Amino acid sequence: MQDKPVLIGKISGCHGVRGWVKVYSYTRPRENITQYRRWLIDGVPYKVTAAKHGKSVIAKIEGIDDRDAAVKLVDKDIYLPRESLPAPEEGQYYWSDLIGMAVENTEGEAFGTVSKLLETGAHDVLVIKGEDRERLIPFVMDTYIKDVDLDAGRIQVNWHRDD
């Protein structure tokens, strides 16, 4: 887990004809993504030379000088090397660390794996893809989330199979 890059956003579109890209940020607040000037996209390091935020976040990436080059980055995920980020506090997790983890309830019944997380305003929600169906489980520690074991790749939840 220590060497795995952390997902921080996605290139969501192009902005203008000079290679600027629109960025969907997973950071909070969303403009925090502009503090990081070295991004990994498809495992390739890119230098962010300028960034702006207002209604949306836009960035200029070194070597991406026209719209055609920018289009090739659309829908690509943006990562940072883990060492570029602070370690999460106790009981907090980077979303990218939770994606792919196995989920089981307190009775030991397997539900599947975390496919993504949703931000709802009130709290984040785990989206669990299983063989039988998809489940949405609020990421509320101690109430629904009983244990997160990053080393074992397992999340234990207080959730009944029929819920």
N, C-alpha and C. Protein backbone atom coordinates (compact mmCIF):
# COMPACT_ATOMS: atom_id res chain seq x y z
N MET A 1 0.82 -1.18 0.00
CA MET A 1 0.00 0.00 0.00
C MET A 1 0.87 1.25 0.00
N GLN A 2 2.03 1.20 0.62
CA GLN A 2 2.88 2.38 0.76
C GLN A 2 3.42 2.91 -0.56
N ASP A 3 3.56 2.07 -1.58
CA ASP A 3 4.11 2.55 -2.85
C ASP A 3 3.03 2.77 -3.90
N LYS A 4 1.79 2.47 -3.58
CA LYS A 4 0.68 2.62 -4.52
C LYS A 4 0.32 4.10 -4.67
N PRO A 5 0.32 4.64 -5.92
CA PRO A 5 -0.07 6.04 -6.11
C PRO A 5 -1.51 6.27 -5.65
N VAL A 6 -1.81 7.53 -5.33
CA VAL A 6 -3.12 7.90 -4.81
C VAL A 6 -3.89 8.65 -5.89
N LEU A 7 -5.08 8.19 -6.18
CA LEU A 7 -5.96 8.81 -7.16
C LEU A 7 -6.47 10.13 -6.59
N ILE A 8 -6.26 11.24 -7.34
CA ILE A 8 -6.70 12.55 -6.83
C ILE A 8 -7.67 13.27 -7.77
N GLY A 9 -7.87 12.73 -8.98
CA GLY A 9 -8.78 13.40 -9.89
C GLY A 9 -8.80 12.75 -11.25
N LYS A 10 -9.41 13.45 -12.19
CA LYS A 10 -9.59 12.93 -13.54
C LYS A 10 -9.61 14.10 -14.51
N ILE A 11 -9.03 13.90 -15.68
CA ILE A 11 -9.15 14.89 -16.74
C ILE A 11 -10.55 14.73 -17.33
N SER A 12 -11.36 15.77 -17.22
CA SER A 12 -12.76 15.64 -17.63
C SER A 12 -13.08 16.28 -18.98
N GLY A 13 -12.15 17.06 -19.51
CA GLY A 13 -12.42 17.68 -20.79
C GLY A 13 -11.31 18.62 -21.20
N CYS A 14 -11.54 19.32 -22.29
CA CYS A 14 -10.59 20.30 -22.80
C CYS A 14 -11.12 21.70 -22.51
N HIS A 15 -10.21 22.66 -22.44
CA HIS A 15 -10.58 24.06 -22.22
C HIS A 15 -9.80 24.90 -23.22
N GLY A 16 -10.47 25.38 -24.23
CA GLY A 16 -9.82 26.21 -25.23
C GLY A 16 -9.02 25.39 -26.23
N VAL A 17 -8.15 26.10 -26.98
CA VAL A 17 -7.39 25.45 -28.05
C VAL A 17 -5.90 25.37 -27.77
N ARG A 18 -5.45 25.83 -26.60
CA ARG A 18 -4.02 25.87 -26.29
C ARG A 18 -3.56 24.76 -25.36
N GLY A 19 -4.35 23.70 -25.25
CA GLY A 19 -3.92 22.54 -24.48
C GLY A 19 -4.34 22.50 -23.03
N TRP A 20 -5.11 23.48 -22.58
CA TRP A 20 -5.61 23.45 -21.20
C TRP A 20 -6.63 22.33 -21.06
N VAL A 21 -6.67 21.73 -19.88
CA VAL A 21 -7.62 20.65 -19.61
C VAL A 21 -8.50 21.00 -18.41
N LYS A 22 -9.74 20.51 -18.45
CA LYS A 22 -10.64 20.62 -17.31
C LYS A 22 -10.35 19.43 -16.40
N VAL A 23 -10.40 19.67 -15.10
CA VAL A 23 -10.05 18.65 -14.13
C VAL A 23 -11.20 18.45 -13.16
N TYR A 24 -11.59 17.19 -12.97
CA TYR A 24 -12.52 16.86 -11.90
C TYR A 24 -11.67 16.40 -10.72
N SER A 25 -11.73 17.15 -9.64
CA SER A 25 -10.86 16.90 -8.49
C SER A 25 -11.57 16.07 -7.43
N TYR A 26 -10.87 15.08 -6.89
CA TYR A 26 -11.37 14.30 -5.76
C TYR A 26 -10.87 14.87 -4.44
N THR A 27 -10.06 15.93 -4.49
CA THR A 27 -9.54 16.52 -3.27
C THR A 27 -10.60 17.42 -2.64
N ARG A 28 -10.46 17.66 -1.37
CA ARG A 28 -11.35 18.57 -0.66
C ARG A 28 -10.54 19.60 0.06
N PRO A 29 -10.76 20.88 -0.18
CA PRO A 29 -11.60 21.42 -1.24
C PRO A 29 -11.05 21.08 -2.62
N ARG A 30 -11.89 21.13 -3.62
CA ARG A 30 -11.53 20.66 -4.95
C ARG A 30 -10.32 21.35 -5.54
N GLU A 31 -10.10 22.62 -5.21
CA GLU A 31 -8.96 23.35 -5.77
C GLU A 31 -7.62 22.91 -5.18
N ASN A 32 -7.63 22.09 -4.14
CA ASN A 32 -6.36 21.58 -3.58
C ASN A 32 -5.54 20.81 -4.61
N ILE A 33 -6.19 20.26 -5.61
CA ILE A 33 -5.47 19.51 -6.64
C ILE A 33 -4.44 20.40 -7.33
N THR A 34 -4.69 21.71 -7.36
CA THR A 34 -3.76 22.63 -8.04
C THR A 34 -2.49 22.88 -7.24
N GLN A 35 -2.45 22.46 -5.99
CA GLN A 35 -1.23 22.59 -5.17
C GLN A 35 -0.14 21.62 -5.62
N TYR A 36 -0.55 20.55 -6.26
CA TYR A 36 0.40 19.53 -6.68
C TYR A 36 0.78 19.77 -8.13
N ARG A 37 2.05 19.90 -8.40
CA ARG A 37 2.50 20.29 -9.73
C ARG A 37 3.10 19.14 -10.53
N ARG A 38 3.15 17.95 -9.95
CA ARG A 38 3.61 16.76 -10.68
C ARG A 38 2.55 15.69 -10.55
N TRP A 39 1.91 15.40 -11.66
CA TRP A 39 0.85 14.40 -11.71
C TRP A 39 1.34 13.17 -12.45
N LEU A 40 0.76 12.03 -12.11
CA LEU A 40 0.98 10.79 -12.86
C LEU A 40 -0.30 10.49 -13.64
N ILE A 41 -0.18 10.37 -14.95
CA ILE A 41 -1.30 10.02 -15.81
C ILE A 41 -0.85 8.84 -16.64
N ASP A 42 -1.55 7.73 -16.51
CA ASP A 42 -1.14 6.47 -17.16
C ASP A 42 0.29 6.09 -16.80
N GLY A 43 0.68 6.38 -15.56
CA GLY A 43 2.02 6.04 -15.07
C GLY A 43 3.11 6.97 -15.55
N VAL A 44 2.76 7.97 -16.35
CA VAL A 44 3.74 8.91 -16.89
C VAL A 44 3.69 10.20 -16.07
N PRO A 45 4.85 10.70 -15.61
CA PRO A 45 4.83 11.96 -14.86
C PRO A 45 4.63 13.16 -15.80
N TYR A 46 3.76 14.07 -15.38
CA TYR A 46 3.50 15.31 -16.10
C TYR A 46 3.69 16.47 -15.14
N LYS A 47 4.22 17.57 -15.66
CA LYS A 47 4.39 18.78 -14.86
C LYS A 47 3.25 19.74 -15.17
N VAL A 48 2.57 20.19 -14.13
CA VAL A 48 1.51 21.18 -14.26
C VAL A 48 2.18 22.55 -14.20
N THR A 49 2.06 23.32 -15.28
CA THR A 49 2.75 24.61 -15.35
C THR A 49 1.87 25.78 -14.91
N ALA A 50 0.55 25.59 -14.94
CA ALA A 50 -0.38 26.63 -14.50
C ALA A 50 -1.71 25.98 -14.18
N ALA A 51 -2.45 26.60 -13.30
CA ALA A 51 -3.77 26.10 -12.93
C ALA A 51 -4.64 27.26 -12.48
N LYS A 52 -5.93 27.12 -12.71
CA LYS A 52 -6.91 28.13 -12.31
C LYS A 52 -8.14 27.40 -11.78
N HIS A 53 -8.86 28.07 -10.92
CA HIS A 53 -10.13 27.51 -10.47
C HIS A 53 -11.14 28.61 -10.29
N GLY A 54 -12.33 28.28 -10.60
CA GLY A 54 -13.50 29.16 -10.49
C GLY A 54 -14.69 28.23 -10.50
N LYS A 55 -15.50 28.30 -11.56
CA LYS A 55 -16.60 27.35 -11.70
C LYS A 55 -16.06 25.94 -11.87
N SER A 56 -14.89 25.83 -12.46
CA SER A 56 -14.24 24.52 -12.61
C SER A 56 -12.74 24.71 -12.41
N VAL A 57 -12.05 23.58 -12.32
CA VAL A 57 -10.59 23.60 -12.20
C VAL A 57 -10.03 23.31 -13.59
N ILE A 58 -9.09 24.15 -14.04
CA ILE A 58 -8.43 23.92 -15.31
C ILE A 58 -6.93 23.95 -15.08
N ALA A 59 -6.21 23.22 -15.93
CA ALA A 59 -4.75 23.13 -15.76
C ALA A 59 -4.07 23.12 -17.12
N LYS A 60 -2.85 23.65 -17.10
CA LYS A 60 -1.98 23.60 -18.28
C LYS A 60 -0.85 22.64 -17.93
N ILE A 61 -0.66 21.66 -18.79
CA ILE A 61 0.33 20.61 -18.56
C ILE A 61 1.46 20.78 -19.57
N GLU A 62 2.68 20.73 -19.07
CA GLU A 62 3.85 20.88 -19.93
C GLU A 62 3.83 19.85 -21.06
N GLY A 63 4.04 20.32 -22.29
CA GLY A 63 4.07 19.43 -23.44
C GLY A 63 2.71 19.21 -24.09
N ILE A 64 1.66 19.65 -23.45
CA ILE A 64 0.31 19.56 -24.01
C ILE A 64 -0.03 20.97 -24.48
N ASP A 65 0.21 21.22 -25.79
CA ASP A 65 0.17 22.59 -26.28
C ASP A 65 -0.99 22.91 -27.22
N ASP A 66 -1.82 21.92 -27.53
CA ASP A 66 -2.97 22.21 -28.38
C ASP A 66 -4.13 21.29 -27.99
N ARG A 67 -5.26 21.57 -28.54
CA ARG A 67 -6.47 20.82 -28.20
C ARG A 67 -6.35 19.34 -28.56
N ASP A 68 -5.71 19.04 -29.68
CA ASP A 68 -5.56 17.63 -30.09
C ASP A 68 -4.80 16.83 -29.04
N ALA A 69 -3.73 17.43 -28.49
CA ALA A 69 -2.96 16.74 -27.45
C ALA A 69 -3.78 16.62 -26.17
N ALA A 70 -4.56 17.66 -25.84
CA ALA A 70 -5.39 17.63 -24.63
C ALA A 70 -6.48 16.58 -24.72
N VAL A 71 -7.07 16.41 -25.90
CA VAL A 71 -8.14 15.42 -26.09
C VAL A 71 -7.66 14.02 -25.73
N LYS A 72 -6.40 13.72 -25.98
CA LYS A 72 -5.86 12.39 -25.68
C LYS A 72 -5.82 12.09 -24.18
N LEU A 73 -5.90 13.14 -23.34
CA LEU A 73 -5.87 12.95 -21.89
C LEU A 73 -7.27 12.87 -21.27
N VAL A 74 -8.29 13.20 -22.03
CA VAL A 74 -9.65 13.20 -21.49
C VAL A 74 -10.03 11.80 -21.00
N ASP A 75 -10.65 11.76 -19.84
CA ASP A 75 -11.09 10.54 -19.14
C ASP A 75 -9.93 9.78 -18.49
N LYS A 76 -8.75 10.35 -18.46
CA LYS A 76 -7.60 9.71 -17.79
C LYS A 76 -7.60 10.12 -16.31
N ASP A 77 -7.25 9.17 -15.46
CA ASP A 77 -7.14 9.43 -14.03
C ASP A 77 -5.83 10.14 -13.71
N ILE A 78 -5.88 10.96 -12.67
CA ILE A 78 -4.70 11.70 -12.18
C ILE A 78 -4.31 11.10 -10.84
N TYR A 79 -3.06 10.72 -10.73
CA TYR A 79 -2.52 10.16 -9.49
C TYR A 79 -1.37 11.01 -8.99
N LEU A 80 -1.06 10.84 -7.71
CA LEU A 80 0.14 11.41 -7.12
C LEU A 80 0.92 10.29 -6.47
N PRO A 81 2.25 10.40 -6.50
CA PRO A 81 3.02 9.45 -5.70
C PRO A 81 2.61 9.60 -4.23
N ARG A 82 2.46 8.50 -3.54
CA ARG A 82 2.01 8.54 -2.14
C ARG A 82 2.88 9.43 -1.27
N GLU A 83 4.17 9.46 -1.55
CA GLU A 83 5.06 10.27 -0.71
C GLU A 83 4.81 11.77 -0.87
N SER A 84 4.05 12.17 -1.89
CA SER A 84 3.71 13.58 -2.08
C SER A 84 2.58 14.03 -1.16
N LEU A 85 1.90 13.09 -0.55
CA LEU A 85 0.72 13.39 0.27
C LEU A 85 0.98 13.10 1.73
N PRO A 86 0.28 13.80 2.60
CA PRO A 86 0.40 13.47 4.03
C PRO A 86 -0.25 12.13 4.31
N ALA A 87 0.24 11.43 5.30
CA ALA A 87 -0.40 10.17 5.70
C ALA A 87 -1.77 10.50 6.27
N PRO A 88 -2.78 9.70 5.94
CA PRO A 88 -4.11 9.96 6.51
C PRO A 88 -4.09 9.77 8.03
N GLU A 89 -4.92 10.54 8.70
CA GLU A 89 -5.02 10.42 10.15
C GLU A 89 -5.69 9.10 10.51
N GLU A 90 -5.57 8.72 11.75
CA GLU A 90 -6.19 7.48 12.25
C GLU A 90 -7.68 7.49 11.92
N GLY A 91 -8.16 6.40 11.31
CA GLY A 91 -9.56 6.27 10.97
C GLY A 91 -9.96 6.97 9.67
N GLN A 92 -8.98 7.57 8.97
CA GLN A 92 -9.25 8.18 7.68
C GLN A 92 -8.48 7.43 6.61
N TYR A 93 -9.02 7.44 5.39
CA TYR A 93 -8.43 6.64 4.32
C TYR A 93 -8.52 7.40 3.01
N TYR A 94 -7.55 7.16 2.14
CA TYR A 94 -7.67 7.65 0.78
C TYR A 94 -8.62 6.70 0.05
N TRP A 95 -9.53 7.27 -0.73
CA TRP A 95 -10.50 6.46 -1.44
C TRP A 95 -9.82 5.39 -2.28
N SER A 96 -8.73 5.74 -2.93
CA SER A 96 -8.08 4.77 -3.81
C SER A 96 -7.56 3.56 -3.03
N ASP A 97 -7.34 3.71 -1.73
CA ASP A 97 -6.91 2.57 -0.92
C ASP A 97 -8.07 1.62 -0.64
N LEU A 98 -9.29 2.14 -0.65
CA LEU A 98 -10.47 1.33 -0.35
C LEU A 98 -10.99 0.58 -1.58
N ILE A 99 -10.77 1.15 -2.75
CA ILE A 99 -11.27 0.53 -3.98
C ILE A 99 -10.56 -0.81 -4.20
N GLY A 100 -11.37 -1.83 -4.44
CA GLY A 100 -10.84 -3.18 -4.65
C GLY A 100 -10.81 -4.03 -3.39
N MET A 101 -11.07 -3.42 -2.23
CA MET A 101 -11.06 -4.20 -0.99
C MET A 101 -12.28 -5.10 -0.91
N ALA A 102 -12.09 -6.28 -0.33
CA ALA A 102 -13.19 -7.21 -0.10
C ALA A 102 -14.04 -6.70 1.06
N VAL A 103 -15.35 -6.93 0.97
CA VAL A 103 -16.27 -6.49 2.01
C VAL A 103 -17.06 -7.69 2.50
N GLU A 104 -17.11 -7.82 3.83
CA GLU A 104 -17.92 -8.88 4.44
C GLU A 104 -18.62 -8.29 5.66
N ASN A 105 -19.72 -8.92 6.03
CA ASN A 105 -20.42 -8.42 7.21
C ASN A 105 -19.88 -9.09 8.47
N THR A 106 -20.43 -8.69 9.60
CA THR A 106 -19.94 -9.21 10.89
C THR A 106 -20.23 -10.69 11.07
N GLU A 107 -21.13 -11.26 10.23
CA GLU A 107 -21.41 -12.70 10.26
C GLU A 107 -20.47 -13.47 9.34
N GLY A 108 -19.58 -12.77 8.66
CA GLY A 108 -18.62 -13.42 7.77
C GLY A 108 -19.13 -13.66 6.36
N GLU A 109 -20.28 -13.09 6.01
CA GLU A 109 -20.82 -13.25 4.66
C GLU A 109 -20.15 -12.26 3.71
N ALA A 110 -19.61 -12.79 2.60
CA ALA A 110 -18.93 -11.94 1.63
C ALA A 110 -19.94 -11.20 0.78
N PHE A 111 -19.72 -9.90 0.59
CA PHE A 111 -20.60 -9.07 -0.22
C PHE A 111 -20.01 -8.74 -1.59
N GLY A 112 -18.72 -8.84 -1.73
CA GLY A 112 -18.06 -8.46 -2.98
C GLY A 112 -16.90 -7.51 -2.69
N THR A 113 -16.61 -6.63 -3.65
CA THR A 113 -15.50 -5.69 -3.49
C THR A 113 -15.98 -4.26 -3.73
N VAL A 114 -15.24 -3.33 -3.16
CA VAL A 114 -15.54 -1.91 -3.34
C VAL A 114 -15.18 -1.53 -4.78
N SER A 115 -16.17 -1.08 -5.55
CA SER A 115 -15.90 -0.69 -6.94
C SER A 115 -15.65 0.81 -7.05
N LYS A 116 -16.27 1.58 -6.14
CA LYS A 116 -16.06 3.03 -6.12
C LYS A 116 -16.70 3.59 -4.86
N LEU A 117 -16.51 4.86 -4.65
CA LEU A 117 -17.16 5.55 -3.55
C LEU A 117 -17.94 6.73 -4.11
N LEU A 118 -19.00 7.08 -3.42
CA LEU A 118 -19.82 8.22 -3.81
C LEU A 118 -19.80 9.25 -2.70
N GLU A 119 -19.78 10.49 -3.08
CA GLU A 119 -19.88 11.57 -2.11
C GLU A 119 -21.32 12.07 -2.14
N THR A 120 -22.01 12.00 -1.01
CA THR A 120 -23.42 12.38 -0.99
C THR A 120 -23.68 13.68 -0.25
N GLY A 121 -22.68 14.24 0.38
CA GLY A 121 -22.88 15.45 1.17
C GLY A 121 -22.93 15.10 2.65
N ALA A 122 -23.82 14.18 3.01
CA ALA A 122 -23.92 13.77 4.41
C ALA A 122 -22.74 12.90 4.81
N HIS A 123 -22.39 11.95 3.95
CA HIS A 123 -21.27 11.04 4.20
C HIS A 123 -20.94 10.31 2.92
N ASP A 124 -19.77 9.73 2.87
CA ASP A 124 -19.38 8.95 1.69
C ASP A 124 -20.10 7.60 1.72
N VAL A 125 -20.25 7.01 0.53
CA VAL A 125 -20.94 5.73 0.42
C VAL A 125 -20.07 4.77 -0.38
N LEU A 126 -19.87 3.56 0.16
CA LEU A 126 -19.17 2.51 -0.56
C LEU A 126 -20.11 1.87 -1.57
N VAL A 127 -19.65 1.66 -2.79
CA VAL A 127 -20.41 0.91 -3.78
C VAL A 127 -19.75 -0.45 -3.86
N ILE A 128 -20.49 -1.48 -3.45
CA ILE A 128 -19.97 -2.84 -3.37
C ILE A 128 -20.55 -3.66 -4.52
N LYS A 129 -19.68 -4.19 -5.37
CA LYS A 129 -20.14 -5.06 -6.47
C LYS A 129 -19.95 -6.50 -6.02
N GLY A 130 -21.06 -7.23 -5.99
CA GLY A 130 -21.02 -8.62 -5.61
C GLY A 130 -21.57 -9.50 -6.71
N GLU A 131 -21.51 -10.80 -6.49
CA GLU A 131 -22.04 -11.74 -7.49
C GLU A 131 -23.55 -11.61 -7.61
N ASP A 132 -24.23 -11.38 -6.47
CA ASP A 132 -25.69 -11.36 -6.49
C ASP A 132 -26.26 -9.98 -6.80
N ARG A 133 -25.56 -8.89 -6.39
CA ARG A 133 -26.08 -7.54 -6.63
C ARG A 133 -25.08 -6.49 -6.20
N GLU A 134 -25.47 -5.25 -6.43
CA GLU A 134 -24.66 -4.11 -5.98
C GLU A 134 -25.27 -3.57 -4.69
N ARG A 135 -24.42 -3.24 -3.74
CA ARG A 135 -24.90 -2.67 -2.47
C ARG A 135 -24.27 -1.31 -2.26
N LEU A 136 -25.01 -0.42 -1.64
CA LEU A 136 -24.52 0.89 -1.25
C LEU A 136 -24.52 0.93 0.27
N ILE A 137 -23.33 1.11 0.84
CA ILE A 137 -23.21 1.08 2.30
C ILE A 137 -22.55 2.39 2.74
N PRO A 138 -23.22 3.14 3.63
CA PRO A 138 -22.65 4.40 4.11
C PRO A 138 -21.31 4.16 4.82
N PHE A 139 -20.33 4.99 4.49
CA PHE A 139 -19.03 4.86 5.14
C PHE A 139 -19.05 5.67 6.44
N VAL A 140 -19.71 5.10 7.44
CA VAL A 140 -19.84 5.72 8.75
C VAL A 140 -19.17 4.77 9.74
N MET A 141 -18.00 5.19 10.22
CA MET A 141 -17.23 4.35 11.14
C MET A 141 -18.03 4.06 12.40
N ASP A 142 -17.88 2.87 12.90
CA ASP A 142 -18.49 2.34 14.12
C ASP A 142 -19.98 2.03 13.96
N THR A 143 -20.69 2.75 13.11
CA THR A 143 -22.11 2.45 12.90
C THR A 143 -22.25 1.35 11.86
N TYR A 144 -21.74 1.59 10.65
CA TYR A 144 -21.82 0.60 9.57
C TYR A 144 -20.47 -0.03 9.26
N ILE A 145 -19.40 0.73 9.39
CA ILE A 145 -18.06 0.23 9.11
C ILE A 145 -17.43 -0.16 10.44
N LYS A 146 -17.22 -1.46 10.61
CA LYS A 146 -16.70 -1.96 11.88
C LYS A 146 -15.18 -2.07 11.88
N ASP A 147 -14.58 -2.38 10.71
CA ASP A 147 -13.13 -2.53 10.66
C ASP A 147 -12.66 -2.34 9.22
N VAL A 148 -11.55 -1.63 9.08
CA VAL A 148 -10.88 -1.49 7.79
C VAL A 148 -9.46 -2.01 8.00
N ASP A 149 -9.13 -3.11 7.34
CA ASP A 149 -7.80 -3.71 7.44
C ASP A 149 -7.11 -3.57 6.09
N LEU A 150 -6.34 -2.49 5.96
CA LEU A 150 -5.67 -2.21 4.68
C LEU A 150 -4.69 -3.32 4.31
N ASP A 151 -3.98 -3.85 5.29
CA ASP A 151 -2.99 -4.90 5.00
C ASP A 151 -3.65 -6.17 4.47
N ALA A 152 -4.81 -6.52 5.02
CA ALA A 152 -5.52 -7.72 4.58
C ALA A 152 -6.43 -7.44 3.38
N GLY A 153 -6.67 -6.15 3.08
CA GLY A 153 -7.54 -5.80 1.97
C GLY A 153 -8.99 -6.14 2.24
N ARG A 154 -9.43 -5.90 3.49
CA ARG A 154 -10.77 -6.31 3.91
C ARG A 154 -11.45 -5.22 4.73
N ILE A 155 -12.74 -5.04 4.46
CA ILE A 155 -13.58 -4.14 5.24
C ILE A 155 -14.70 -4.97 5.84
N GLN A 156 -14.91 -4.82 7.15
CA GLN A 156 -16.00 -5.52 7.82
C GLN A 156 -17.10 -4.51 8.10
N VAL A 157 -18.35 -4.88 7.75
CA VAL A 157 -19.47 -3.97 7.89
C VAL A 157 -20.57 -4.56 8.76
N ASN A 158 -21.30 -3.67 9.41
CA ASN A 158 -22.49 -4.04 10.16
C ASN A 158 -23.68 -3.85 9.20
N TRP A 159 -23.91 -4.88 8.40
CA TRP A 159 -24.91 -4.79 7.32
C TRP A 159 -25.45 -6.20 7.08
N HIS A 160 -26.73 -6.33 6.98
CA HIS A 160 -27.32 -7.64 6.74
C HIS A 160 -27.41 -7.93 5.24
N ARG A 161 -27.30 -9.16 4.90
CA ARG A 161 -27.32 -9.57 3.49
C ARG A 161 -28.56 -9.06 2.77
N ASP A 162 -29.69 -8.99 3.44
CA ASP A 162 -30.95 -8.58 2.80
C ASP A 162 -31.15 -7.08 2.75
N ASP A 163 -30.27 -6.31 3.39
CA ASP A 163 -30.42 -4.84 3.39
C ASP A 163 -30.10 -4.24 2.04
